[in-house]
Protein backbone atom coordinates (compact mmCIF):
# COMPACT_ATOMS: atom_id res chain seq x y z
CA GLN A 1 69.58 70.83 31.74
CA VAL A 2 68.94 70.64 28.09
CA GLN A 3 68.78 67.14 26.42
CA LEU A 4 69.16 67.64 22.37
CA VAL A 5 68.33 64.42 19.93
CA GLU A 6 69.32 64.57 16.75
CA SER A 7 67.80 62.41 13.85
CA GLY A 8 66.97 62.32 9.94
CA GLY A 9 71.11 60.69 9.48
CA GLY A 10 71.53 58.03 6.41
CA LEU A 11 73.62 56.80 3.62
CA VAL A 12 72.09 59.39 0.38
CA GLN A 13 74.04 59.17 -2.93
CA ALA A 14 76.03 61.47 -3.74
CA GLY A 15 73.63 64.82 -5.52
CA GLY A 16 71.18 64.01 -2.53
CA SER A 17 69.64 65.29 0.04
CA LEU A 18 68.66 65.03 3.93
CA ARG A 19 67.28 67.18 6.50
CA LEU A 20 68.19 66.92 9.65
CA SER A 21 66.60 67.22 13.04
CA CYS A 22 67.47 68.12 16.94
CA ALA A 23 64.90 67.75 19.34
CA ALA A 24 65.37 70.16 22.13
CA SER A 25 63.84 68.93 25.41
CA ARG A 26 62.60 71.95 26.59
CA SER A 27 61.91 75.55 24.35
CA ILE A 28 64.50 76.72 22.37
CA SER A 29 62.99 80.37 21.68
CA SER A 30 65.75 81.49 25.03
CA ALA A 31 68.83 80.01 23.57
CA ASP A 32 71.71 82.07 22.48
CA TYR A 33 72.67 80.16 19.37
CA MET A 34 71.81 76.62 18.25
CA GLU A 35 74.19 75.08 15.33
CA TRP A 36 74.89 71.79 13.63
CA TYR A 37 79.06 70.82 13.90
CA ARG A 38 80.16 67.46 11.75
CA GLN A 39 83.14 65.07 12.76
CA THR A 40 85.02 62.73 10.95
CA PRO A 41 87.97 59.76 12.57
CA GLY A 42 90.76 61.52 14.48
CA LYS A 43 89.54 65.52 13.77
CA GLN A 44 88.01 68.20 15.17
CA ARG A 45 84.27 68.82 15.36
CA ASP A 46 84.42 71.81 12.83
CA LEU A 47 81.43 74.20 12.87
CA VAL A 48 78.61 73.63 10.31
CA ALA A 49 76.13 76.35 10.44
CA ARG A 50 75.22 78.31 13.52
CA ILE A 51 71.42 80.05 14.24
CA LEU A 52 71.34 83.36 16.51
CA SER A 53 68.77 84.14 18.88
CA ASP A 54 67.11 86.98 15.89
CA ASP A 55 67.06 84.49 13.35
CA GLY A 56 71.19 85.32 11.53
CA THR A 57 72.81 82.30 10.20
CA ILE A 58 76.36 81.67 9.84
CA TYR A 59 77.52 79.09 7.39
CA ALA A 60 80.72 77.06 6.50
CA ASP A 61 82.24 78.03 3.22
CA SER A 62 82.45 74.60 2.79
CA VAL A 63 78.31 73.85 3.07
CA LYS A 64 76.92 78.28 1.62
CA GLY A 65 75.25 77.58 -0.42
CA ARG A 66 74.08 74.09 -0.48
CA PHE A 67 72.94 73.39 3.70
CA THR A 68 69.98 76.40 5.49
CA ILE A 69 69.51 75.64 8.77
CA SER A 70 66.72 76.67 11.18
CA ARG A 71 64.53 76.89 14.08
CA ASP A 72 60.96 75.98 15.17
CA ASN A 73 60.55 77.56 18.09
CA ALA A 74 57.45 75.53 18.46
CA LYS A 75 58.62 72.50 18.02
CA ASN A 76 61.22 73.06 19.56
CA THR A 77 63.51 72.11 16.59
CA VAL A 78 66.77 72.81 14.53
CA TYR A 79 66.72 71.86 11.47
CA LEU A 80 69.48 71.52 8.94
CA GLN A 81 68.77 71.05 5.32
CA MET A 82 71.57 69.48 3.51
CA ASN A 83 70.93 69.64 -0.95
CA SER A 84 73.49 68.51 -3.69
CA LEU A 85 75.46 66.74 -0.79
CA LYS A 86 78.85 65.51 -1.67
CA PRO A 87 81.11 62.66 -0.26
CA GLU A 88 83.93 65.13 1.96
CA ASP A 89 80.16 65.35 3.46
CA THR A 90 80.56 62.02 5.75
CA ALA A 91 80.57 62.65 9.22
CA VAL A 92 78.68 62.08 12.42
CA TYR A 93 76.23 65.71 12.88
CA TYR A 94 76.12 67.32 16.29
CA CYS A 95 73.71 69.85 17.61
CA ARG A 96 74.80 71.89 20.46
CA ALA A 97 72.56 74.60 22.74
CA GLY A 98 73.88 77.40 23.74
CA ILE A 99 71.22 78.37 26.26
CA PHE A 100 71.70 80.78 29.82
CA GLY A 101 75.87 79.72 28.97
CA THR A 102 75.75 76.95 29.02
CA ASN A 103 76.76 74.58 25.63
CA TYR A 104 74.79 71.67 25.50
CA TRP A 105 75.16 68.75 23.10
CA GLY A 106 73.66 65.80 21.02
CA GLN A 107 74.70 62.32 20.61
CA GLY A 108 74.96 62.32 16.85
CA THR A 109 73.19 61.23 13.83
CA GLN A 110 76.10 59.55 11.11
CA VAL A 111 75.53 61.23 7.55
CA THR A 112 77.68 58.86 4.63
CA VAL A 113 77.62 60.27 1.60
CA SER A 114 77.97 57.70 -1.27
CA SER A 115 80.57 58.17 -4.50
């Protein structure tokens, strides 16, 4: 079992930045992937960014060039650096880990971008 705890969300003005963190209760060095998703009320949860075991990354088109996913295996933590934030980035952001064929989710952190 793996617990994931997100932090770093909050209220920011458009054009600002936030850095989200996802701390895992065990080592993430063996994770097949670590991901960030986001969800707004009434809509499905969408993939924002993914980092693979070889540190390859994938981004949603809507965040390319603005968001950066990274990992610190020594701290068992994955980050999402979000720059040039837009009101449409407002959502609950969730961390997901894929470890040995099982997906684990965090509880989410709210990001609100005001115009």
